[in-house]
């Protein structure tokens, strides 16, 4: 049985493959100098399903943010291919495009 850390590291590698680089950051500190384009992801919550007063399914929910100068970046199209990824919102900050997804993994 895999641990939470093993699953997160597996997700990290998937996100690196989607981005095509190692510029993927898990809950980065504010003082970290990031390289762009990049993906930032953080654990948000857990989705738990119950039946007969017991947990029968639990998935970790992540917020995944793609940051790119290119407003027409194709990175979201690749992230969209993951089964449990859904688009949340898009915004611009510091002349960078931020595309936010919710992902269960």
PDB file of N, CA and C in Angstrom:
ATOM      1  N   UNK A   1       0.848  -1.182   0.000  1.00  0.00           N
ATOM      2  CA  UNK A   1       0.000   0.000   0.000  1.00  0.00           C
ATOM      3  C   UNK A   1       0.890   1.240   0.000  1.00  0.00           C
ATOM      4  N   UNK A   2       0.582   2.191  -0.851  1.00  0.00           N
ATOM      5  CA  UNK A   2       1.426   3.376  -0.944  1.00  0.00           C
ATOM      6  C   UNK A   2       1.050   4.387   0.144  1.00  0.00           C
ATOM      7  N   UNK A   3       2.039   5.166   0.530  1.00  0.00           N
ATOM      8  CA  UNK A   3       1.809   6.191   1.535  1.00  0.00           C
ATOM      9  C   UNK A   3       1.328   7.472   0.856  1.00  0.00           C
ATOM     10  N   UNK A   4       0.874   8.409   1.663  1.00  0.00           N
ATOM     11  CA  UNK A   4       0.443   9.708   1.139  1.00  0.00           C
ATOM     12  C   UNK A   4       1.587  10.375   0.401  1.00  0.00           C
ATOM     13  N   UNK A   5       2.788  10.294   0.957  1.00  0.00           N
ATOM     14  CA  UNK A   5       3.958  10.905   0.314  1.00  0.00           C
ATOM     15  C   UNK A   5       4.239  10.257  -1.033  1.00  0.00           C
ATOM     16  N   UNK A   6       4.152   8.926  -1.095  1.00  0.00           N
ATOM     17  CA  UNK A   6       4.379   8.219  -2.369  1.00  0.00           C
ATOM     18  C   UNK A   6       3.384   8.683  -3.427  1.00  0.00           C
ATOM     19  N   UNK A   7       2.113   8.797  -3.044  1.00  0.00           N
ATOM     20  CA  UNK A   7       1.084   9.245  -3.989  1.00  0.00           C
ATOM     21  C   UNK A   7       1.362  10.671  -4.452  1.00  0.00           C
ATOM     22  N   UNK A   8       1.761  11.549  -3.522  1.00  0.00           N
ATOM     23  CA  UNK A   8       2.031  12.930  -3.901  1.00  0.00           C
ATOM     24  C   UNK A   8       3.233  13.011  -4.831  1.00  0.00           C
ATOM     25  N   UNK A   9       4.253  12.240  -4.571  1.00  0.00           N
ATOM     26  CA  UNK A   9       5.432  12.238  -5.446  1.00  0.00           C
ATOM     27  C   UNK A   9       5.082  11.680  -6.824  1.00  0.00           C
ATOM     28  N   UNK A  10       4.183  10.716  -6.865  1.00  0.00           N
ATOM     29  CA  UNK A  10       3.697  10.187  -8.139  1.00  0.00           C
ATOM     30  C   UNK A  10       2.950  11.292  -8.904  1.00  0.00           C
ATOM     31  N   UNK A  11       2.108  12.037  -8.202  1.00  0.00           N
ATOM     32  CA  UNK A  11       1.411  13.171  -8.819  1.00  0.00           C
ATOM     33  C   UNK A  11       2.413  14.219  -9.302  1.00  0.00           C
ATOM     34  N   UNK A  12       3.437  14.470  -8.507  1.00  0.00           N
ATOM     35  CA  UNK A  12       4.468  15.446  -8.878  1.00  0.00           C
ATOM     36  C   UNK A  12       5.100  15.079 -10.222  1.00  0.00           C
ATOM     37  N   UNK A  13       5.427  13.812 -10.394  1.00  0.00           N
ATOM     38  CA  UNK A  13       6.040  13.363 -11.645  1.00  0.00           C
ATOM     39  C   UNK A  13       5.066  13.491 -12.818  1.00  0.00           C
ATOM     40  N   UNK A  14       3.799  13.218 -12.568  1.00  0.00           N
ATOM     41  CA  UNK A  14       2.788  13.388 -13.625  1.00  0.00           C
ATOM     42  C   UNK A  14       2.716  14.853 -14.044  1.00  0.00           C
ATOM     43  N   UNK A  15       2.713  15.762 -13.063  1.00  0.00           N
ATOM     44  CA  UNK A  15       2.654  17.195 -13.373  1.00  0.00           C
ATOM     45  C   UNK A  15       3.909  17.662 -14.107  1.00  0.00           C
ATOM     46  N   UNK A  16       5.074  17.121 -13.753  1.00  0.00           N
ATOM     47  CA  UNK A  16       6.315  17.444 -14.479  1.00  0.00           C
ATOM     48  C   UNK A  16       6.195  17.010 -15.937  1.00  0.00           C
ATOM     49  N   UNK A  17       5.610  15.842 -16.172  1.00  0.00           N
ATOM     50  CA  UNK A  17       5.410  15.359 -17.532  1.00  0.00           C
ATOM     51  C   UNK A  17       4.453  16.246 -18.313  1.00  0.00           C
ATOM     52  N   UNK A  18       3.394  16.704 -17.670  1.00  0.00           N
ATOM     53  CA  UNK A  18       2.433  17.594 -18.318  1.00  0.00           C
ATOM     54  C   UNK A  18       3.096  18.914 -18.685  1.00  0.00           C
ATOM     55  N   UNK A  19       3.889  19.455 -17.765  1.00  0.00           N
ATOM     56  CA  UNK A  19       4.562  20.728 -18.005  1.00  0.00           C
ATOM     57  C   UNK A  19       5.710  20.584 -18.995  1.00  0.00           C
ATOM     58  N   UNK A  20       6.381  19.443 -18.955  1.00  0.00           N
ATOM     59  CA  UNK A  20       7.547  19.232 -19.818  1.00  0.00           C
ATOM     60  C   UNK A  20       8.821  19.792 -19.220  1.00  0.00           C
ATOM     61  N   UNK A  21       8.810  20.046 -17.905  1.00  0.00           N
ATOM     62  CA  UNK A  21      10.009  20.519 -17.201  1.00  0.00           C
ATOM     63  C   UNK A  21       9.858  20.198 -15.716  1.00  0.00           C
ATOM     64  N   UNK A  22      10.879  20.516 -14.938  1.00  0.00           N
ATOM     65  CA  UNK A  22      10.860  20.262 -13.501  1.00  0.00           C
ATOM     66  C   UNK A  22      10.377  21.489 -12.709  1.00  0.00           C
ATOM     67  N   UNK A  23       9.801  22.482 -13.391  1.00  0.00           N
ATOM     68  CA  UNK A  23       9.324  23.694 -12.724  1.00  0.00           C
ATOM     69  C   UNK A  23       7.954  23.459 -12.086  1.00  0.00           C
ATOM     70  N   UNK A  24       7.886  22.441 -11.261  1.00  0.00           N
ATOM     71  CA  UNK A  24       6.658  22.076 -10.559  1.00  0.00           C
ATOM     72  C   UNK A  24       6.965  22.200  -9.077  1.00  0.00           C
ATOM     73  N   UNK A  25       6.103  22.940  -8.357  1.00  0.00           N
ATOM     74  CA  UNK A  25       6.371  23.266  -6.965  1.00  0.00           C
ATOM     75  C   UNK A  25       5.194  22.869  -6.089  1.00  0.00           C
ATOM     76  N   UNK A  26       5.494  22.138  -4.998  1.00  0.00           N
ATOM     77  CA  UNK A  26       4.469  21.745  -4.034  1.00  0.00           C
ATOM     78  C   UNK A  26       4.523  22.704  -2.852  1.00  0.00           C
ATOM     79  N   UNK A  27       3.443  23.439  -2.647  1.00  0.00           N
ATOM     80  CA  UNK A  27       3.328  24.386  -1.555  1.00  0.00           C
ATOM     81  C   UNK A  27       4.613  25.193  -1.353  1.00  0.00           C
ATOM     82  N   UNK A  28       5.059  25.932  -2.385  1.00  0.00           N
ATOM     83  CA  UNK A  28       6.349  26.636  -2.287  1.00  0.00           C
ATOM     84  C   UNK A  28       6.298  27.785  -1.280  1.00  0.00           C
ATOM     85  N   UNK A  29       7.412  28.023  -0.576  1.00  0.00           N
ATOM     86  CA  UNK A  29       7.465  29.193   0.310  1.00  0.00           C
ATOM     87  C   UNK A  29       7.450  30.475  -0.535  1.00  0.00           C
ATOM     88  N   UNK A  30       7.004  31.571   0.054  1.00  0.00           N
ATOM     89  CA  UNK A  30       6.864  32.822  -0.680  1.00  0.00           C
ATOM     90  C   UNK A  30       8.194  33.363  -1.201  1.00  0.00           C
ATOM     91  N   UNK A  31       9.291  33.047  -0.535  1.00  0.00           N
ATOM     92  CA  UNK A  31      10.592  33.588  -0.945  1.00  0.00           C
ATOM     93  C   UNK A  31      11.290  32.752  -2.025  1.00  0.00           C
ATOM     94  N   UNK A  32      10.654  31.689  -2.495  1.00  0.00           N
ATOM     95  CA  UNK A  32      11.247  30.831  -3.524  1.00  0.00           C
ATOM     96  C   UNK A  32      11.224  31.530  -4.884  1.00  0.00           C
ATOM     97  N   UNK A  33      12.339  31.549  -5.561  1.00  0.00           N
ATOM     98  CA  UNK A  33      12.440  32.119  -6.905  1.00  0.00           C
ATOM     99  C   UNK A  33      12.033  31.032  -7.895  1.00  0.00           C
ATOM    100  N   UNK A  34      10.857  31.198  -8.501  1.00  0.00           N
ATOM    101  CA  UNK A  34      10.344  30.182  -9.412  1.00  0.00           C
ATOM    102  C   UNK A  34      10.723  30.508 -10.851  1.00  0.00           C
ATOM    103  N   UNK A  35      10.819  29.457 -11.654  1.00  0.00           N
ATOM    104  CA  UNK A  35      11.058  29.591 -13.093  1.00  0.00           C
ATOM    105  C   UNK A  35       9.735  29.348 -13.804  1.00  0.00           C
ATOM    106  N   UNK A  36       9.504  30.113 -14.878  1.00  0.00           N
ATOM    107  CA  UNK A  36       8.232  30.037 -15.597  1.00  0.00           C
ATOM    108  C   UNK A  36       8.421  29.505 -16.995  1.00  0.00           C
ATOM    109  N   UNK A  37       7.420  28.865 -17.589  1.00  0.00           N
ATOM    110  CA  UNK A  37       6.140  28.510 -16.995  1.00  0.00           C
ATOM    111  C   UNK A  37       6.321  27.490 -15.883  1.00  0.00           C
ATOM    112  N   UNK A  38       5.343  27.455 -14.992  1.00  0.00           N
ATOM    113  CA  UNK A  38       5.440  26.512 -13.874  1.00  0.00           C
ATOM    114  C   UNK A  38       4.060  26.043 -13.467  1.00  0.00           C
ATOM    115  N   UNK A  39       4.063  25.031 -12.614  1.00  0.00           N
ATOM    116  CA  UNK A  39       2.843  24.530 -11.978  1.00  0.00           C
ATOM    117  C   UNK A  39       3.096  24.558 -10.477  1.00  0.00           C
ATOM    118  N   UNK A  40       2.135  25.136  -9.766  1.00  0.00           N
ATOM    119  CA  UNK A  40       2.155  25.128  -8.301  1.00  0.00           C
ATOM    120  C   UNK A  40       0.950  24.305  -7.860  1.00  0.00           C
ATOM    121  N   UNK A  41       1.167  23.418  -6.913  1.00  0.00           N
ATOM    122  CA  UNK A  41       0.027  22.664  -6.399  1.00  0.00           C
ATOM    123  C   UNK A  41       0.116  22.555  -4.898  1.00  0.00           C
ATOM    124  N   UNK A  42      -1.063  22.481  -4.282  1.00  0.00           N
ATOM    125  CA  UNK A  42      -1.119  22.364  -2.831  1.00  0.00           C
ATOM    126  C   UNK A  42      -2.305  21.509  -2.432  1.00  0.00           C
ATOM    127  N   UNK A  43      -2.127  20.820  -1.313  1.00  0.00           N
ATOM    128  CA  UNK A  43      -3.199  19.985  -0.781  1.00  0.00           C
ATOM    129  C   UNK A  43      -4.255  20.921  -0.209  1.00  0.00           C
ATOM    130  N   UNK A  44      -5.483  20.737  -0.657  1.00  0.00           N
ATOM    131  CA  UNK A  44      -6.574  21.605  -0.220  1.00  0.00           C
ATOM    132  C   UNK A  44      -7.465  20.936   0.810  1.00  0.00           C
ATOM    133  N   UNK A  45      -7.854  19.717   0.532  1.00  0.00           N
ATOM    134  CA  UNK A  45      -8.819  19.046   1.385  1.00  0.00           C
ATOM    135  C   UNK A  45      -8.889  17.579   0.972  1.00  0.00           C
ATOM    136  N   UNK A  46      -9.754  16.837   1.621  1.00  0.00           N
ATOM    137  CA  UNK A  46     -10.011  15.459   1.229  1.00  0.00           C
ATOM    138  C   UNK A  46     -11.490  15.315   0.894  1.00  0.00           C
ATOM    139  N   UNK A  47     -11.766  14.496  -0.081  1.00  0.00           N
ATOM    140  CA  UNK A  47     -13.146  14.166  -0.419  1.00  0.00           C
ATOM    141  C   UNK A  47     -13.398  12.774   0.145  1.00  0.00           C
ATOM    142  N   UNK A  48     -14.311  12.684   1.087  1.00  0.00           N
ATOM    143  CA  UNK A  48     -14.586  11.410   1.761  1.00  0.00           C
ATOM    144  C   UNK A  48     -16.033  11.017   1.503  1.00  0.00           C
ATOM    145  N   UNK A  49     -16.238   9.780   1.093  1.00  0.00           N
ATOM    146  CA  UNK A  49     -17.575   9.228   0.886  1.00  0.00           C
ATOM    147  C   UNK A  49     -17.853   8.233   2.001  1.00  0.00           C
ATOM    148  N   UNK A  50     -19.081   8.279   2.509  1.00  0.00           N
ATOM    149  CA  UNK A  50     -19.480   7.387   3.601  1.00  0.00           C
ATOM    150  C   UNK A  50     -20.640   6.491   3.179  1.00  0.00           C
ATOM    151  N   UNK A  51     -20.684   5.321   3.776  1.00  0.00           N
ATOM    152  CA  UNK A  51     -21.816   4.395   3.645  1.00  0.00           C
ATOM    153  C   UNK A  51     -21.818   3.518   4.897  1.00  0.00           C
ATOM    154  N   UNK A  52     -22.994   3.233   5.407  1.00  0.00           N
ATOM    155  CA  UNK A  52     -23.113   2.439   6.642  1.00  0.00           C
ATOM    156  C   UNK A  52     -22.248   3.007   7.756  1.00  0.00           C
ATOM    157  N   UNK A  53     -22.224   4.324   7.871  1.00  0.00           N
ATOM    158  CA  UNK A  53     -21.469   5.023   8.922  1.00  0.00           C
ATOM    159  C   UNK A  53     -19.966   4.733   8.877  1.00  0.00           C
ATOM    160  N   UNK A  54     -19.452   4.418   7.690  1.00  0.00           N
ATOM    161  CA  UNK A  54     -18.017   4.159   7.533  1.00  0.00           C
ATOM    162  C   UNK A  54     -17.504   4.889   6.290  1.00  0.00           C
ATOM    163  N   UNK A  55     -16.224   5.193   6.326  1.00  0.00           N
ATOM    164  CA  UNK A  55     -15.590   5.757   5.132  1.00  0.00           C
ATOM    165  C   UNK A  55     -15.347   4.623   4.148  1.00  0.00           C
ATOM    166  N   UNK A  56     -15.735   4.826   2.902  1.00  0.00           N
ATOM    167  CA  UNK A  56     -15.431   3.798   1.922  1.00  0.00           C
ATOM    168  C   UNK A  56     -14.575   4.328   0.790  1.00  0.00           C
ATOM    169  N   UNK A  57     -14.429   5.640   0.696  1.00  0.00           N
ATOM    170  CA  UNK A  57     -13.565   6.204  -0.337  1.00  0.00           C
ATOM    171  C   UNK A  57     -13.010   7.535   0.157  1.00  0.00           C
ATOM    172  N   UNK A  58     -11.741   7.737  -0.107  1.00  0.00           N
ATOM    173  CA  UNK A  58     -11.110   8.995   0.283  1.00  0.00           C
ATOM    174  C   UNK A  58     -10.124   9.388  -0.811  1.00  0.00           C
ATOM    175  N   UNK A  59     -10.293  10.595  -1.345  1.00  0.00           N
ATOM    176  CA  UNK A  59      -9.373  11.142  -2.346  1.00  0.00           C
ATOM    177  C   UNK A  59      -8.851  12.473  -1.838  1.00  0.00           C
ATOM    178  N   UNK A  60      -7.584  12.726  -2.073  1.00  0.00           N
ATOM    179  CA  UNK A  60      -7.001  14.013  -1.702  1.00  0.00           C
ATOM    180  C   UNK A  60      -7.294  15.026  -2.797  1.00  0.00           C
ATOM    181  N   UNK A  61      -7.700  16.214  -2.390  1.00  0.00           N
ATOM    182  CA  UNK A  61      -8.002  17.271  -3.345  1.00  0.00           C
ATOM    183  C   UNK A  61      -6.867  18.286  -3.337  1.00  0.00           C
ATOM    184  N   UNK A  62      -6.402  18.610  -4.548  1.00  0.00           N
ATOM    185  CA  UNK A  62      -5.331  19.576  -4.725  1.00  0.00           C
ATOM    186  C   UNK A  62      -5.820  20.761  -5.545  1.00  0.00           C
ATOM    187  N   UNK A  63      -5.279  21.923  -5.245  1.00  0.00           N
ATOM    188  CA  UNK A  63      -5.438  23.080  -6.121  1.00  0.00           C
ATOM    189  C   UNK A  63      -4.175  23.133  -6.965  1.00  0.00           C
ATOM    190  N   UNK A  64      -4.356  23.126  -8.269  1.00  0.00           N
ATOM    191  CA  UNK A  64      -3.220  23.123  -9.203  1.00  0.00           C
ATOM    192  C   UNK A  64      -3.302  24.413 -10.017  1.00  0.00           C
ATOM    193  N   UNK A  65      -2.231  25.210  -9.976  1.00  0.00           N
ATOM    194  CA  UNK A  65      -2.203  26.477 -10.705  1.00  0.00           C
ATOM    195  C   UNK A  65      -1.093  26.455 -11.738  1.00  0.00           C
ATOM    196  N   UNK A  66      -1.468  26.696 -12.970  1.00  0.00           N
ATOM    197  CA  UNK A  66      -0.506  26.826 -14.067  1.00  0.00           C
ATOM    198  C   UNK A  66      -0.211  28.317 -14.204  1.00  0.00           C
ATOM    199  N   UNK A  67       1.063  28.683 -14.230  1.00  0.00           N
ATOM    200  CA  UNK A  67       1.448  30.085 -14.393  1.00  0.00           C
ATOM    201  C   UNK A  67       2.320  30.188 -15.632  1.00  0.00           C
ATOM    202  N   UNK A  68       1.900  31.028 -16.581  1.00  0.00           N
ATOM    203  CA  UNK A  68       2.605  31.144 -17.859  1.00  0.00           C
ATOM    204  C   UNK A  68       2.393  32.548 -18.423  1.00  0.00           C
ATOM    205  N   UNK A  69       3.408  33.074 -19.083  1.00  0.00           N
ATOM    206  CA  UNK A  69       3.278  34.369 -19.767  1.00  0.00           C
ATOM    207  C   UNK A  69       2.337  34.269 -20.961  1.00  0.00           C
ATOM    208  N   UNK A  70       2.321  33.118 -21.604  1.00  0.00           N
ATOM    209  CA  UNK A  70       1.539  32.900 -22.817  1.00  0.00           C
ATOM    210  C   UNK A  70       0.056  32.715 -22.474  1.00  0.00           C
ATOM    211  N   UNK A  71      -0.811  33.635 -22.895  1.00  0.00           N
ATOM    212  CA  UNK A  71      -2.233  33.473 -22.592  1.00  0.00           C
ATOM    213  C   UNK A  71      -2.866  32.292 -23.330  1.00  0.00           C
ATOM    214  N   UNK A  72      -2.224  31.820 -24.389  1.00  0.00           N
ATOM    215  CA  UNK A  72      -2.733  30.687 -25.163  1.00  0.00           C
ATOM    216  C   UNK A  72      -1.961  29.401 -24.890  1.00  0.00           C
ATOM    217  N   UNK A  73      -1.353  29.323 -23.715  1.00  0.00           N
ATOM    218  CA  UNK A  73      -0.570  28.144 -23.363  1.00  0.00           C
ATOM    219  C   UNK A  73      -1.395  26.869 -23.526  1.00  0.00           C
ATOM    220  N   UNK A  74      -0.751  25.813 -23.956  1.00  0.00           N
ATOM    221  CA  UNK A  74      -1.432  24.529 -24.150  1.00  0.00           C
ATOM    222  C   UNK A  74      -1.312  23.606 -22.939  1.00  0.00           C
ATOM    223  N   UNK A  75      -0.667  24.080 -21.902  1.00  0.00           N
ATOM    224  CA  UNK A  75      -0.511  23.262 -20.690  1.00  0.00           C
ATOM    225  C   UNK A  75      -1.870  22.865 -20.107  1.00  0.00           C
ATOM    226  N   UNK A  76      -2.867  23.778 -20.040  1.00  0.00           N
ATOM    227  CA  UNK A  76      -4.170  23.363 -19.508  1.00  0.00           C
ATOM    228  C   UNK A  76      -4.817  22.232 -20.301  1.00  0.00           C
ATOM    229  N   UNK A  77      -4.599  22.214 -21.597  1.00  0.00           N
ATOM    230  CA  UNK A  77      -5.171  21.132 -22.416  1.00  0.00           C
ATOM    231  C   UNK A  77      -4.616  19.780 -21.979  1.00  0.00           C
ATOM    232  N   UNK A  78      -3.326  19.753 -21.634  1.00  0.00           N
ATOM    233  CA  UNK A  78      -2.710  18.498 -21.188  1.00  0.00           C
ATOM    234  C   UNK A  78      -3.195  18.116 -19.791  1.00  0.00           C
ATOM    235  N   UNK A  79      -3.357  19.125 -18.918  1.00  0.00           N
ATOM    236  CA  UNK A  79      -3.851  18.852 -17.567  1.00  0.00           C
ATOM    237  C   UNK A  79      -5.297  18.378 -17.611  1.00  0.00           C
ATOM    238  N   UNK A  80      -6.061  18.922 -18.539  1.00  0.00           N
ATOM    239  CA  UNK A  80      -7.463  18.529 -18.710  1.00  0.00           C
ATOM    240  C   UNK A  80      -7.629  17.044 -19.020  1.00  0.00           C
ATOM    241  N   UNK A  81      -6.585  16.400 -19.513  1.00  0.00           N
ATOM    242  CA  UNK A  81      -6.661  14.982 -19.851  1.00  0.00           C
ATOM    243  C   UNK A  81      -6.684  14.075 -18.626  1.00  0.00           C
ATOM    244  N   UNK A  82      -6.287  14.609 -17.462  1.00  0.00           N
ATOM    245  CA  UNK A  82      -6.355  13.805 -16.241  1.00  0.00           C
ATOM    246  C   UNK A  82      -7.816  13.607 -15.860  1.00  0.00           C
ATOM    247  N   UNK A  83      -8.154  12.401 -15.475  1.00  0.00           N
ATOM    248  CA  UNK A  83      -9.546  12.037 -15.240  1.00  0.00           C
ATOM    249  C   UNK A  83     -10.227  12.913 -14.190  1.00  0.00           C
ATOM    250  N   UNK A  84      -9.558  13.239 -13.112  1.00  0.00           N
ATOM    251  CA  UNK A  84     -10.197  13.949 -12.010  1.00  0.00           C
ATOM    252  C   UNK A  84      -9.742  15.396 -11.894  1.00  0.00           C
ATOM    253  N   UNK A  85      -9.456  16.028 -13.030  1.00  0.00           N
ATOM    254  CA  UNK A  85      -9.078  17.444 -13.056  1.00  0.00           C
ATOM    255  C   UNK A  85     -10.231  18.253 -13.625  1.00  0.00           C
ATOM    256  N   UNK A  86     -10.513  19.391 -13.002  1.00  0.00           N
ATOM    257  CA  UNK A  86     -11.557  20.261 -13.534  1.00  0.00           C
ATOM    258  C   UNK A  86     -11.124  21.718 -13.416  1.00  0.00           C
ATOM    259  N   UNK A  87     -11.399  22.467 -14.468  1.00  0.00           N
ATOM    260  CA  UNK A  87     -11.072  23.885 -14.513  1.00  0.00           C
ATOM    261  C   UNK A  87     -11.852  24.623 -13.430  1.00  0.00           C
ATOM    262  N   UNK A  88     -11.171  25.549 -12.755  1.00  0.00           N
ATOM    263  CA  UNK A  88     -11.809  26.334 -11.704  1.00  0.00           C
ATOM    264  C   UNK A  88     -11.944  27.802 -12.115  1.00  0.00           C
ATOM    265  N   UNK A  89     -10.811  28.447 -12.418  1.00  0.00           N
ATOM    266  CA  UNK A  89     -10.845  29.854 -12.784  1.00  0.00           C
ATOM    267  C   UNK A  89      -9.551  30.258 -13.461  1.00  0.00           C
ATOM    268  N   UNK A  90      -9.585  31.472 -14.014  1.00  0.00           N
ATOM    269  CA  UNK A  90      -8.416  32.030 -14.695  1.00  0.00           C
ATOM    270  C   UNK A  90      -8.297  33.482 -14.260  1.00  0.00           C
ATOM    271  N   UNK A  91      -7.062  33.936 -14.010  1.00  0.00           N
ATOM    272  CA  UNK A  91      -6.846  35.336 -13.664  1.00  0.00           C
ATOM    273  C   UNK A  91      -5.426  35.741 -14.053  1.00  0.00           C
ATOM    274  N   UNK A  92      -5.193  37.047 -14.092  1.00  0.00           N
ATOM    275  CA  UNK A  92      -3.872  37.576 -14.416  1.00  0.00           C
ATOM    276  C   UNK A  92      -3.323  38.293 -13.183  1.00  0.00           C
ATOM    277  N   UNK A  93      -2.052  38.041 -12.877  1.00  0.00           N
ATOM    278  CA  UNK A  93      -1.362  38.714 -11.776  1.00  0.00           C
ATOM    279  C   UNK A  93       0.090  38.922 -12.190  1.00  0.00           C
ATOM    280  N   UNK A  94       0.595  40.127 -12.006  1.00  0.00           N
ATOM    281  CA  UNK A  94       1.985  40.458 -12.360  1.00  0.00           C
ATOM    282  C   UNK A  94       2.294  40.099 -13.813  1.00  0.00           C
ATOM    283  N   UNK A  95       1.356  40.372 -14.711  1.00  0.00           N
ATOM    284  CA  UNK A  95       1.499  40.095 -16.141  1.00  0.00           C
ATOM    285  C   UNK A  95       1.695  38.611 -16.452  1.00  0.00           C
ATOM    286  N   UNK A  96       1.254  37.763 -15.554  1.00  0.00           N
ATOM    287  CA  UNK A  96       1.334  36.318 -15.767  1.00  0.00           C
ATOM    288  C   UNK A  96      -0.088  35.760 -15.740  1.00  0.00           C
ATOM    289  N   UNK A  97      -0.345  34.798 -16.606  1.00  0.00           N
ATOM    290  CA  UNK A  97      -1.640  34.126 -16.673  1.00  0.00           C
ATOM    291  C   UNK A  97      -1.648  32.977 -15.680  1.00  0.00           C
ATOM    292  N   UNK A  98      -2.663  32.954 -14.842  1.00  0.00           N
ATOM    293  CA  UNK A  98      -2.828  31.909 -13.837  1.00  0.00           C
ATOM    294  C   UNK A  98      -4.090  31.129 -14.161  1.00  0.00           C
ATOM    295  N   UNK A  99      -3.951  29.839 -14.374  1.00  0.00           N
ATOM    296  CA  UNK A  99      -5.079  28.975 -14.690  1.00  0.00           C
ATOM    297  C   UNK A  99      -5.168  27.950 -13.564  1.00  0.00           C
ATOM    298  N   UNK A 100      -6.297  27.970 -12.854  1.00  0.00           N
ATOM    299  CA  UNK A 100      -6.448  27.162 -11.644  1.00  0.00           C
ATOM    300  C   UNK A 100      -7.377  25.986 -11.903  1.00  0.00           C
ATOM    301  N   UNK A 101      -6.943  24.832 -11.441  1.00  0.00           N
ATOM    302  CA  UNK A 101      -7.724  23.599 -11.553  1.00  0.00           C
ATOM    303  C   UNK A 101      -7.897  22.979 -10.164  1.00  0.00           C
ATOM    304  N   UNK A 102      -8.946  22.191 -10.025  1.00  0.00           N
ATOM    305  CA  UNK A 102      -9.114  21.323  -8.874  1.00  0.00           C
ATOM    306  C   UNK A 102      -8.819  19.915  -9.366  1.00  0.00           C
ATOM    307  N   UNK A 103      -8.008  19.194  -8.597  1.00  0.00           N
ATOM    308  CA  UNK A 103      -7.585  17.860  -8.999  1.00  0.00           C
ATOM    309  C   UNK A 103      -7.700  16.912  -7.811  1.00  0.00           C
ATOM    310  N   UNK A 104      -8.350  15.785  -8.038  1.00  0.00           N
ATOM    311  CA  UNK A 104      -8.423  14.724  -7.023  1.00  0.00           C
ATOM    312  C   UNK A 104      -7.427  13.646  -7.423  1.00  0.00           C
ATOM    313  N   UNK A 105      -6.568  13.291  -6.464  1.00  0.00           N
ATOM    314  CA  UNK A 105      -5.576  12.263  -6.760  1.00  0.00           C
ATOM    315  C   UNK A 105      -5.256  11.488  -5.499  1.00  0.00           C
TER     316      UNK A 105
END
